[in-house]
Amino acid sequence: MADLTADIGAELRTRLPDLRSHKKLDAVVAASRAAVLVAVPRLRGEHDAVVARRGPARPGRPSLWTPREVLALAALLTGFIAAALVLPSPRNGRPALGVDNAALWVGVLAAATLIVFALLEPGRRDSLLFGAHTRNAPKMYIFLAVLWALVFAYMLANWDDVDRWEPALPTTGLVLLGASIVGIAVLAVVARRHDKAALAEPDVAAKDDWGRSAKDADPVEEWWVALPAKLSPAERGAADRSYRAALDVLEREQLIRPADGKRLRRKNPPVVWRGDAG
């Protein structure tokens, strides 16, 4: 055990500059992985071979804040604002604006929402939030159609608020809203057909919640997930000891605090080896 601890300490000291460049939890994962390869040296060659075969780095978790996703979220928010301008508030029962003043804005915002979604539709298949693998887009379009239909009915029911001598602008808004309701309903049908066609492709159907398919999987990360099954009982004992030894080194080098070390010692080492030190 003393030799194992010394060997792990020596290995991690050579990696300290790299470990210090990592975020704290990433450093814990990297250090625990390096330590287990010291504890079970027969695995090092297999690990290095997998790293060599991986080639270019695989894509990680896609970002939510791409221009396409931001634009889609902004359009959805605009669609909600269109309804919020004229529908009564749940708090006080009063609308933000009367039908006379709100009708044109409601129609313009609804039309803008429809136009943005229509423009995004051809490339929506691989969207993180609304891609075919989520099946969210048709549901979202139908929801907006129903919401705007309620707004349309409310505006008609309160059309007495409109100045009958100057009805042009409110009427324009009402027409725009009606056209938007029809348009978003048609878009829901189109999106459903697009999703059905896309999900017939195995790569799209196999995507996870983050839009990653099996071909995007990182073989190195998969190797670490499978590591516990590769260990004999004796090797598993050495591997578990290596994890604790790695935490001791990280504490001595002040990469983690004692409170962090206490929490991390309660974690199952395989969980950390597969990348979860949270």
C-alpha atoms as a PDB file:
ATOM      1  CA  MET A   1       0.000   0.000   0.000  1.00  0.00           C
ATOM      2  CA  ALA A   2       2.862   2.367   0.821  1.00  0.00           C
ATOM      3  CA  ASP A   3       4.492   1.688  -2.537  1.00  0.00           C
ATOM      4  CA  LEU A   4       1.182   2.260  -4.342  1.00  0.00           C
ATOM      5  CA  THR A   5       0.646   5.567  -2.542  1.00  0.00           C
ATOM      6  CA  ALA A   6       4.188   6.686  -3.357  1.00  0.00           C
ATOM      7  CA  ASP A   7       3.830   5.719  -7.007  1.00  0.00           C
ATOM      8  CA  ILE A   8       0.534   7.582  -7.309  1.00  0.00           C
ATOM      9  CA  GLY A   9       2.001  10.629  -5.600  1.00  0.00           C
ATOM     10  CA  ALA A  10       4.940  10.628  -8.008  1.00  0.00           C
ATOM     11  CA  GLU A  11       2.649  10.245 -11.026  1.00  0.00           C
ATOM     12  CA  LEU A  12       0.297  13.034  -9.978  1.00  0.00           C
ATOM     13  CA  ARG A  13       3.131  15.414  -9.128  1.00  0.00           C
ATOM     14  CA  THR A  14       4.287  15.194 -12.751  1.00  0.00           C
ATOM     15  CA  ARG A  15       0.749  16.150 -13.790  1.00  0.00           C
ATOM     16  CA  LEU A  16       0.267  19.048 -11.385  1.00  0.00           C
ATOM     17  CA  PRO A  17       0.593  21.857 -13.985  1.00  0.00           C
ATOM     18  CA  ASP A  18      -2.074  20.201 -16.115  1.00  0.00           C
ATOM     19  CA  LEU A  19      -4.311  19.436 -13.127  1.00  0.00           C
ATOM     20  CA  ARG A  20      -4.091  23.032 -11.922  1.00  0.00           C
ATOM     21  CA  SER A  21      -5.290  24.222 -15.332  1.00  0.00           C
ATOM     22  CA  HIS A  22      -8.505  22.189 -14.934  1.00  0.00           C
ATOM     23  CA  LYS A  23     -11.635  23.119 -13.065  1.00  0.00           C
ATOM     24  CA  LYS A  24     -11.683  21.515  -9.632  1.00  0.00           C
ATOM     25  CA  LEU A  25     -14.038  18.627 -10.394  1.00  0.00           C
ATOM     26  CA  ASP A  26     -12.375  17.948 -13.746  1.00  0.00           C
ATOM     27  CA  ALA A  27      -9.031  17.759 -11.935  1.00  0.00           C
ATOM     28  CA  VAL A  28     -10.498  15.176  -9.549  1.00  0.00           C
ATOM     29  CA  VAL A  29     -11.633  13.021 -12.477  1.00  0.00           C
ATOM     30  CA  ALA A  30      -8.293  13.340 -14.274  1.00  0.00           C
ATOM     31  CA  ALA A  31      -6.305  12.553 -11.126  1.00  0.00           C
ATOM     32  CA  SER A  32      -8.450   9.540 -10.197  1.00  0.00           C
ATOM     33  CA  ARG A  33      -8.074   8.143 -13.708  1.00  0.00           C
ATOM     34  CA  ALA A  34      -4.306   8.596 -13.689  1.00  0.00           C
ATOM     35  CA  ALA A  35      -4.142   6.932 -10.260  1.00  0.00           C
ATOM     36  CA  VAL A  36      -6.083   3.831 -11.300  1.00  0.00           C
ATOM     37  CA  LEU A  37      -3.748   3.314 -14.262  1.00  0.00           C
ATOM     38  CA  VAL A  38      -0.870   3.334 -11.796  1.00  0.00           C
ATOM     39  CA  ALA A  39      -2.689   0.850  -9.545  1.00  0.00           C
ATOM     40  CA  VAL A  40      -3.557  -1.499 -12.430  1.00  0.00           C
ATOM     41  CA  PRO A  41      -0.673  -1.037 -14.897  1.00  0.00           C
ATOM     42  CA  ARG A  42      -1.901  -3.733 -17.308  1.00  0.00           C
ATOM     43  CA  LEU A  43      -4.713  -1.357 -18.317  1.00  0.00           C
ATOM     44  CA  ARG A  44      -2.413   1.439 -19.447  1.00  0.00           C
ATOM     45  CA  GLY A  45      -1.632  -0.119 -22.836  1.00  0.00           C
ATOM     46  CA  GLU A  46      -5.318  -0.761 -23.556  1.00  0.00           C
ATOM     47  CA  HIS A  47      -6.201   2.790 -22.516  1.00  0.00           C
ATOM     48  CA  ASP A  48      -3.470   4.330 -24.663  1.00  0.00           C
ATOM     49  CA  ALA A  49      -4.620   2.252 -27.647  1.00  0.00           C
ATOM     50  CA  VAL A  50      -8.195   3.531 -27.280  1.00  0.00           C
ATOM     51  CA  VAL A  51      -6.915   7.130 -27.056  1.00  0.00           C
ATOM     52  CA  ALA A  52      -4.834   6.609 -30.201  1.00  0.00           C
ATOM     53  CA  ARG A  53      -7.807   5.166 -32.108  1.00  0.00           C
ATOM     54  CA  ARG A  54     -10.138   7.972 -31.097  1.00  0.00           C
ATOM     55  CA  GLY A  55      -8.551  10.474 -33.441  1.00  0.00           C
ATOM     56  CA  PRO A  56     -10.021  13.997 -33.322  1.00  0.00           C
ATOM     57  CA  ALA A  57     -11.917  14.896 -30.169  1.00  0.00           C
ATOM     58  CA  ARG A  58     -15.559  13.886 -30.271  1.00  0.00           C
ATOM     59  CA  PRO A  59     -18.250  16.520 -29.874  1.00  0.00           C
ATOM     60  CA  GLY A  60     -19.220  17.209 -26.298  1.00  0.00           C
ATOM     61  CA  ARG A  61     -22.575  18.327 -25.007  1.00  0.00           C
ATOM     62  CA  PRO A  62     -24.056  20.761 -27.552  1.00  0.00           C
ATOM     63  CA  SER A  63     -24.476  24.338 -26.449  1.00  0.00           C
ATOM     64  CA  LEU A  64     -27.916  25.720 -25.760  1.00  0.00           C
ATOM     65  CA  TRP A  65     -26.782  29.195 -26.751  1.00  0.00           C
ATOM     66  CA  THR A  66     -26.240  28.802 -30.476  1.00  0.00           C
ATOM     67  CA  PRO A  67     -27.781  31.556 -32.655  1.00  0.00           C
ATOM     68  CA  ARG A  68     -30.441  29.123 -33.912  1.00  0.00           C
ATOM     69  CA  GLU A  69     -31.518  28.074 -30.416  1.00  0.00           C
ATOM     70  CA  VAL A  70     -31.510  31.648 -29.126  1.00  0.00           C
ATOM     71  CA  LEU A  71     -33.605  32.796 -32.091  1.00  0.00           C
ATOM     72  CA  ALA A  72     -36.098  29.963 -31.556  1.00  0.00           C
ATOM     73  CA  LEU A  73     -36.425  30.797 -27.853  1.00  0.00           C
ATOM     74  CA  ALA A  74     -36.827  34.483 -28.655  1.00  0.00           C
ATOM     75  CA  ALA A  75     -39.594  33.652 -31.144  1.00  0.00           C
ATOM     76  CA  LEU A  76     -41.366  31.503 -28.563  1.00  0.00           C
ATOM     77  CA  LEU A  77     -41.150  34.313 -26.013  1.00  0.00           C
ATOM     78  CA  THR A  78     -42.516  36.761 -28.586  1.00  0.00           C
ATOM     79  CA  GLY A  79     -45.462  34.453 -29.189  1.00  0.00           C
ATOM     80  CA  PHE A  80     -46.232  34.446 -25.469  1.00  0.00           C
ATOM     81  CA  ILE A  81     -45.882  38.225 -25.229  1.00  0.00           C
ATOM     82  CA  ALA A  82     -48.412  38.605 -28.028  1.00  0.00           C
ATOM     83  CA  ALA A  83     -50.987  36.827 -25.885  1.00  0.00           C
ATOM     84  CA  ALA A  84     -49.942  38.533 -22.650  1.00  0.00           C
ATOM     85  CA  LEU A  85     -50.567  41.998 -24.103  1.00  0.00           C
ATOM     86  CA  VAL A  86     -54.320  41.542 -24.295  1.00  0.00           C
ATOM     87  CA  LEU A  87     -55.404  38.609 -22.122  1.00  0.00           C
ATOM     88  CA  PRO A  88     -56.470  39.483 -18.545  1.00  0.00           C
ATOM     89  CA  SER A  89     -53.793  39.090 -15.892  1.00  0.00           C
ATOM     90  CA  PRO A  90     -54.377  36.206 -13.431  1.00  0.00           C
ATOM     91  CA  ARG A  91     -53.413  38.577 -10.598  1.00  0.00           C
ATOM     92  CA  ASN A  92     -55.829  41.436 -11.099  1.00  0.00           C
ATOM     93  CA  GLY A  93     -58.083  40.328 -13.967  1.00  0.00           C
ATOM     94  CA  ARG A  94     -57.088  43.320 -16.108  1.00  0.00           C
ATOM     95  CA  PRO A  95     -55.243  43.176 -19.455  1.00  0.00           C
ATOM     96  CA  ALA A  96     -51.991  45.024 -20.008  1.00  0.00           C
ATOM     97  CA  LEU A  97     -53.579  46.909 -22.919  1.00  0.00           C
ATOM     98  CA  GLY A  98     -57.112  47.280 -24.170  1.00  0.00           C
ATOM     99  CA  VAL A  99     -58.119  45.614 -27.434  1.00  0.00           C
ATOM    100  CA  ASP A 100     -58.085  48.949 -29.256  1.00  0.00           C
ATOM    101  CA  ASN A 101     -54.427  49.603 -28.394  1.00  0.00           C
ATOM    102  CA  ALA A 102     -53.172  46.015 -28.312  1.00  0.00           C
ATOM    103  CA  ALA A 103     -54.733  44.453 -31.420  1.00  0.00           C
ATOM    104  CA  LEU A 104     -52.134  45.641 -33.919  1.00  0.00           C
ATOM    105  CA  TRP A 105     -49.200  44.725 -31.669  1.00  0.00           C
ATOM    106  CA  VAL A 106     -50.687  41.291 -30.990  1.00  0.00           C
ATOM    107  CA  GLY A 107     -51.033  40.642 -34.725  1.00  0.00           C
ATOM    108  CA  VAL A 108     -47.540  41.899 -35.544  1.00  0.00           C
ATOM    109  CA  LEU A 109     -45.871  39.861 -32.782  1.00  0.00           C
ATOM    110  CA  ALA A 110     -47.780  36.715 -33.717  1.00  0.00           C
ATOM    111  CA  ALA A 111     -46.847  37.162 -37.376  1.00  0.00           C
ATOM    112  CA  ALA A 112     -43.197  37.759 -36.453  1.00  0.00           C
ATOM    113  CA  THR A 113     -43.198  34.559 -34.392  1.00  0.00           C
ATOM    114  CA  LEU A 114     -44.662  32.585 -37.262  1.00  0.00           C
ATOM    115  CA  ILE A 115     -42.141  33.997 -39.761  1.00  0.00           C
ATOM    116  CA  VAL A 116     -39.157  33.143 -37.553  1.00  0.00           C
ATOM    117  CA  PHE A 117     -40.347  29.586 -36.945  1.00  0.00           C
ATOM    118  CA  ALA A 118     -41.085  29.130 -40.649  1.00  0.00           C
ATOM    119  CA  LEU A 119     -37.577  30.308 -41.546  1.00  0.00           C
ATOM    120  CA  LEU A 120     -35.999  27.999 -38.965  1.00  0.00           C
ATOM    121  CA  GLU A 121     -38.072  24.967 -39.954  1.00  0.00           C
ATOM    122  CA  PRO A 122     -35.855  23.716 -42.820  1.00  0.00           C
ATOM    123  CA  GLY A 123     -32.866  23.398 -40.474  1.00  0.00           C
ATOM    124  CA  ARG A 124     -34.770  22.487 -37.311  1.00  0.00           C
ATOM    125  CA  ARG A 125     -34.173  18.708 -37.560  1.00  0.00           C
ATOM    126  CA  ASP A 126     -30.990  18.801 -35.474  1.00  0.00           C
ATOM    127  CA  SER A 127     -31.997  21.593 -33.092  1.00  0.00           C
ATOM    128  CA  LEU A 128     -31.128  20.889 -29.469  1.00  0.00           C
ATOM    129  CA  LEU A 129     -34.451  22.082 -28.061  1.00  0.00           C
ATOM    130  CA  PHE A 130     -36.848  21.532 -30.943  1.00  0.00           C
ATOM    131  CA  GLY A 131     -35.150  18.919 -33.134  1.00  0.00           C
ATOM    132  CA  ALA A 132     -36.860  15.829 -34.488  1.00  0.00           C
ATOM    133  CA  HIS A 133     -35.463  13.698 -31.644  1.00  0.00           C
ATOM    134  CA  THR A 134     -37.360  15.843 -29.089  1.00  0.00           C
ATOM    135  CA  ARG A 135     -40.738  15.801 -30.914  1.00  0.00           C
ATOM    136  CA  ASN A 136     -41.299  19.212 -29.302  1.00  0.00           C
ATOM    137  CA  ALA A 137     -41.885  21.426 -32.330  1.00  0.00           C
ATOM    138  CA  PRO A 138     -45.341  20.200 -33.460  1.00  0.00           C
ATOM    139  CA  LYS A 139     -46.579  20.344 -29.859  1.00  0.00           C
ATOM    140  CA  MET A 140     -45.210  23.855 -29.437  1.00  0.00           C
ATOM    141  CA  TYR A 141     -46.843  25.073 -32.663  1.00  0.00           C
ATOM    142  CA  ILE A 142     -50.205  23.580 -31.698  1.00  0.00           C
ATOM    143  CA  PHE A 143     -49.957  25.173 -28.250  1.00  0.00           C
ATOM    144  CA  LEU A 144     -49.352  28.577 -29.822  1.00  0.00           C
ATOM    145  CA  ALA A 145     -52.233  28.038 -32.253  1.00  0.00           C
ATOM    146  CA  VAL A 146     -54.610  27.290 -29.361  1.00  0.00           C
ATOM    147  CA  LEU A 147     -53.288  30.188 -27.271  1.00  0.00           C
ATOM    148  CA  TRP A 148     -53.649  32.657 -30.129  1.00  0.00           C
ATOM    149  CA  ALA A 149     -57.128  31.324 -30.937  1.00  0.00           C
ATOM    150  CA  LEU A 150     -58.137  32.168 -27.366  1.00  0.00           C
ATOM    151  CA  VAL A 151     -56.680  35.647 -27.861  1.00  0.00           C
ATOM    152  CA  PHE A 152     -58.594  35.997 -31.152  1.00  0.00           C
ATOM    153  CA  ALA A 153     -61.856  35.003 -29.457  1.00  0.00           C
ATOM    154  CA  TYR A 154     -61.200  37.388 -26.555  1.00  0.00           C
ATOM    155  CA  MET A 155     -60.531  40.276 -28.932  1.00  0.00           C
ATOM    156  CA  LEU A 156     -63.731  39.606 -30.877  1.00  0.00           C
ATOM    157  CA  ALA A 157     -65.701  39.411 -27.630  1.00  0.00           C
ATOM    158  CA  ASN A 158     -64.312  42.797 -26.583  1.00  0.00           C
ATOM    159  CA  TRP A 159     -64.396  44.484 -29.992  1.00  0.00           C
ATOM    160  CA  ASP A 160     -66.632  47.186 -28.510  1.00  0.00           C
ATOM    161  CA  ASP A 161     -63.411  48.691 -27.107  1.00  0.00           C
ATOM    162  CA  VAL A 162     -62.313  49.558 -30.639  1.00  0.00           C
ATOM    163  CA  ASP A 163     -63.010  53.068 -31.862  1.00  0.00           C
ATOM    164  CA  ARG A 164     -65.551  52.505 -34.620  1.00  0.00           C
ATOM    165  CA  TRP A 165     -64.359  55.647 -36.408  1.00  0.00           C
ATOM    166  CA  GLU A 166     -60.759  54.418 -36.604  1.00  0.00           C
ATOM    167  CA  PRO A 167     -60.910  50.616 -36.815  1.00  0.00           C
ATOM    168  CA  ALA A 168     -58.202  50.150 -39.455  1.00  0.00           C
ATOM    169  CA  LEU A 169     -55.225  49.395 -37.189  1.00  0.00           C
ATOM    170  CA  PRO A 170     -57.068  47.031 -34.777  1.00  0.00           C
ATOM    171  CA  THR A 171     -58.654  45.274 -37.753  1.00  0.00           C
ATOM    172  CA  THR A 172     -55.236  44.847 -39.357  1.00  0.00           C
ATOM    173  CA  GLY A 173     -53.953  43.311 -36.134  1.00  0.00           C
ATOM    174  CA  LEU A 174     -56.923  40.947 -35.954  1.00  0.00           C
ATOM    175  CA  VAL A 175     -56.369  39.837 -39.543  1.00  0.00           C
ATOM    176  CA  LEU A 176     -52.665  39.281 -38.899  1.00  0.00           C
ATOM    177  CA  LEU A 177     -53.492  37.241 -35.806  1.00  0.00           C
ATOM    178  CA  GLY A 178     -56.013  35.112 -37.685  1.00  0.00           C
ATOM    179  CA  ALA A 179     -53.522  34.479 -40.484  1.00  0.00           C
ATOM    180  CA  SER A 180     -50.870  33.583 -37.894  1.00  0.00           C
ATOM    181  CA  ILE A 181     -53.177  31.040 -36.263  1.00  0.00           C
ATOM    182  CA  VAL A 182     -53.757  29.336 -39.608  1.00  0.00           C
ATOM    183  CA  GLY A 183     -50.057  29.558 -40.449  1.00  0.00           C
ATOM    184  CA  ILE A 184     -48.799  28.093 -37.173  1.00  0.00           C
ATOM    185  CA  ALA A 185     -51.336  25.240 -37.439  1.00  0.00           C
ATOM    186  CA  VAL A 186     -50.101  24.452 -40.949  1.00  0.00           C
ATOM    187  CA  LEU A 187     -46.511  24.644 -39.679  1.00  0.00           C
ATOM    188  CA  ALA A 188     -47.381  22.092 -36.982  1.00  0.00           C
ATOM    189  CA  VAL A 189     -48.521  19.655 -39.677  1.00  0.00           C
ATOM    190  CA  VAL A 190     -45.365  20.299 -41.715  1.00  0.00           C
ATOM    191  CA  ALA A 191     -43.148  19.877 -38.654  1.00  0.00           C
ATOM    192  CA  ARG A 192     -44.845  16.608 -37.760  1.00  0.00           C
ATOM    193  CA  ARG A 193     -44.163  15.275 -41.248  1.00  0.00           C
ATOM    194  CA  HIS A 194     -40.546  16.450 -41.106  1.00  0.00           C
ATOM    195  CA  ASP A 195     -40.037  14.762 -37.727  1.00  0.00           C
ATOM    196  CA  LYS A 196     -41.619  11.527 -38.903  1.00  0.00           C
ATOM    197  CA  ALA A 197     -39.292  11.420 -41.904  1.00  0.00           C
ATOM    198  CA  ALA A 198     -36.246  12.294 -39.803  1.00  0.00           C
ATOM    199  CA  LEU A 199     -37.017   9.694 -37.134  1.00  0.00           C
ATOM    200  CA  ALA A 200     -37.052   7.016 -39.814  1.00  0.00           C
ATOM    201  CA  GLU A 201     -33.282   7.536 -39.971  1.00  0.00           C
ATOM    202  CA  PRO A 202     -31.511   5.416 -37.304  1.00  0.00           C
ATOM    203  CA  ASP A 203     -29.011   8.144 -36.374  1.00  0.00           C
ATOM    204  CA  VAL A 204     -31.771  10.635 -35.605  1.00  0.00           C
ATOM    205  CA  ALA A 205     -33.983   8.127 -33.785  1.00  0.00           C
ATOM    206  CA  ALA A 206     -31.057   7.104 -31.559  1.00  0.00           C
ATOM    207  CA  LYS A 207     -30.244  10.631 -30.399  1.00  0.00           C
ATOM    208  CA  ASP A 208     -30.321  11.297 -26.677  1.00  0.00           C
ATOM    209  CA  ASP A 209     -31.823  14.336 -24.926  1.00  0.00           C
ATOM    210  CA  TRP A 210     -28.766  16.384 -25.886  1.00  0.00           C
ATOM    211  CA  GLY A 211     -29.025  15.514 -29.555  1.00  0.00           C
ATOM    212  CA  ARG A 212     -26.064  13.152 -29.591  1.00  0.00           C
ATOM    213  CA  SER A 213     -26.226   9.862 -31.467  1.00  0.00           C
ATOM    214  CA  ALA A 214     -24.194   6.721 -30.968  1.00  0.00           C
ATOM    215  CA  LYS A 215     -21.690   7.758 -33.629  1.00  0.00           C
ATOM    216  CA  ASP A 216     -20.860  10.831 -31.518  1.00  0.00           C
ATOM    217  CA  ALA A 217     -19.903   8.734 -28.481  1.00  0.00           C
ATOM    218  CA  ASP A 218     -16.345   9.165 -27.250  1.00  0.00           C
ATOM    219  CA  PRO A 219     -14.656   5.718 -27.136  1.00  0.00           C
ATOM    220  CA  VAL A 220     -12.330   6.888 -24.359  1.00  0.00           C
ATOM    221  CA  GLU A 221     -15.252   7.912 -22.156  1.00  0.00           C
ATOM    222  CA  GLU A 222     -16.980   4.607 -22.947  1.00  0.00           C
ATOM    223  CA  TRP A 223     -13.795   2.795 -21.929  1.00  0.00           C
ATOM    224  CA  TRP A 224     -13.826   4.482 -18.529  1.00  0.00           C
ATOM    225  CA  VAL A 225     -17.490   3.617 -18.044  1.00  0.00           C
ATOM    226  CA  ALA A 226     -16.682  -0.044 -18.726  1.00  0.00           C
ATOM    227  CA  LEU A 227     -13.558  -0.058 -16.539  1.00  0.00           C
ATOM    228  CA  PRO A 228     -15.026  -1.699 -13.391  1.00  0.00           C
ATOM    229  CA  ALA A 229     -16.018  -4.794 -15.381  1.00  0.00           C
ATOM    230  CA  LYS A 230     -12.403  -5.210 -16.499  1.00  0.00           C
ATOM    231  CA  LEU A 231     -11.052  -5.449 -12.941  1.00  0.00           C
ATOM    232  CA  SER A 232     -10.449  -8.632 -10.960  1.00  0.00           C
ATOM    233  CA  PRO A 233     -11.412  -8.524  -7.252  1.00  0.00           C
ATOM    234  CA  ALA A 234      -7.781  -7.879  -6.262  1.00  0.00           C
ATOM    235  CA  GLU A 235      -7.426  -5.171  -8.886  1.00  0.00           C
ATOM    236  CA  ARG A 236     -10.669  -3.550  -7.768  1.00  0.00           C
ATOM    237  CA  GLY A 237      -9.277  -3.267  -4.247  1.00  0.00           C
ATOM    238  CA  ALA A 238      -6.108  -1.618  -5.546  1.00  0.00           C
ATOM    239  CA  ALA A 239      -8.161   0.670  -7.786  1.00  0.00           C
ATOM    240  CA  ASP A 240     -10.325   1.813  -4.867  1.00  0.00           C
ATOM    241  CA  ARG A 241      -7.208   2.533  -2.810  1.00  0.00           C
ATOM    242  CA  SER A 242      -5.755   4.500  -5.697  1.00  0.00           C
ATOM    243  CA  TYR A 243      -8.809   6.758  -5.680  1.00  0.00           C
ATOM    244  CA  ARG A 244      -8.347   7.620  -2.022  1.00  0.00           C
ATOM    245  CA  ALA A 245      -4.635   8.157  -2.571  1.00  0.00           C
ATOM    246  CA  ALA A 246      -5.368  10.551  -5.430  1.00  0.00           C
ATOM    247  CA  LEU A 247      -7.668  12.595  -3.190  1.00  0.00           C
ATOM    248  CA  ASP A 248      -4.920  12.757  -0.553  1.00  0.00           C
ATOM    249  CA  VAL A 249      -2.510  14.195  -3.124  1.00  0.00           C
ATOM    250  CA  LEU A 250      -5.064  16.724  -4.355  1.00  0.00           C
ATOM    251  CA  GLU A 251      -5.690  17.874  -0.798  1.00  0.00           C
ATOM    252  CA  ARG A 252      -1.968  18.215  -0.013  1.00  0.00           C
ATOM    253  CA  GLU A 253      -1.466  20.232  -3.184  1.00  0.00           C
ATOM    254  CA  GLN A 254      -4.518  22.359  -2.294  1.00  0.00           C
ATOM    255  CA  LEU A 255      -6.344  21.551  -5.517  1.00  0.00           C
ATOM    256  CA  ILE A 256      -9.342  20.596  -3.389  1.00  0.00           C
ATOM    257  CA  ARG A 257     -10.371  21.625   0.111  1.00  0.00           C
ATOM    258  CA  PRO A 258     -10.599  19.157   3.010  1.00  0.00           C
ATOM    259  CA  ALA A 259     -14.393  19.493   2.871  1.00  0.00           C
ATOM    260  CA  ASP A 260     -14.292  18.525  -0.802  1.00  0.00           C
ATOM    261  CA  GLY A 261     -12.077  15.540  -0.006  1.00  0.00           C
ATOM    262  CA  LYS A 262     -14.452  14.391   2.726  1.00  0.00           C
ATOM    263  CA  ARG A 263     -17.402  14.519   0.319  1.00  0.00           C
ATOM    264  CA  LEU A 264     -15.530  12.868  -2.523  1.00  0.00           C
ATOM    265  CA  ARG A 265     -14.370   9.966  -0.318  1.00  0.00           C
ATOM    266  CA  ARG A 266     -18.020   9.029   0.084  1.00  0.00           C
ATOM    267  CA  LYS A 267     -18.456   8.673  -3.688  1.00  0.00           C
ATOM    268  CA  ASN A 268     -18.158   5.333  -5.398  1.00  0.00           C
ATOM    269  CA  PRO A 269     -14.854   5.452  -7.369  1.00  0.00           C
ATOM    270  CA  PRO A 270     -16.362   4.080 -10.639  1.00  0.00           C
ATOM    271  CA  VAL A 271     -18.747   7.060 -10.666  1.00  0.00           C
ATOM    272  CA  VAL A 272     -15.764   9.426 -10.650  1.00  0.00           C
ATOM    273  CA  TRP A 273     -13.823   7.359 -13.207  1.00  0.00           C
ATOM    274  CA  ARG A 274     -16.694   7.748 -15.670  1.00  0.00           C
ATOM    275  CA  GLY A 275     -16.515  11.523 -15.239  1.00  0.00           C
ATOM    276  CA  ASP A 276     -18.944  12.478 -12.469  1.00  0.00           C
ATOM    277  CA  ALA A 277     -17.203  14.112  -9.499  1.00  0.00           C
ATOM    278  CA  GLY A 278     -20.141  16.396  -8.698  1.00  0.00           C
END
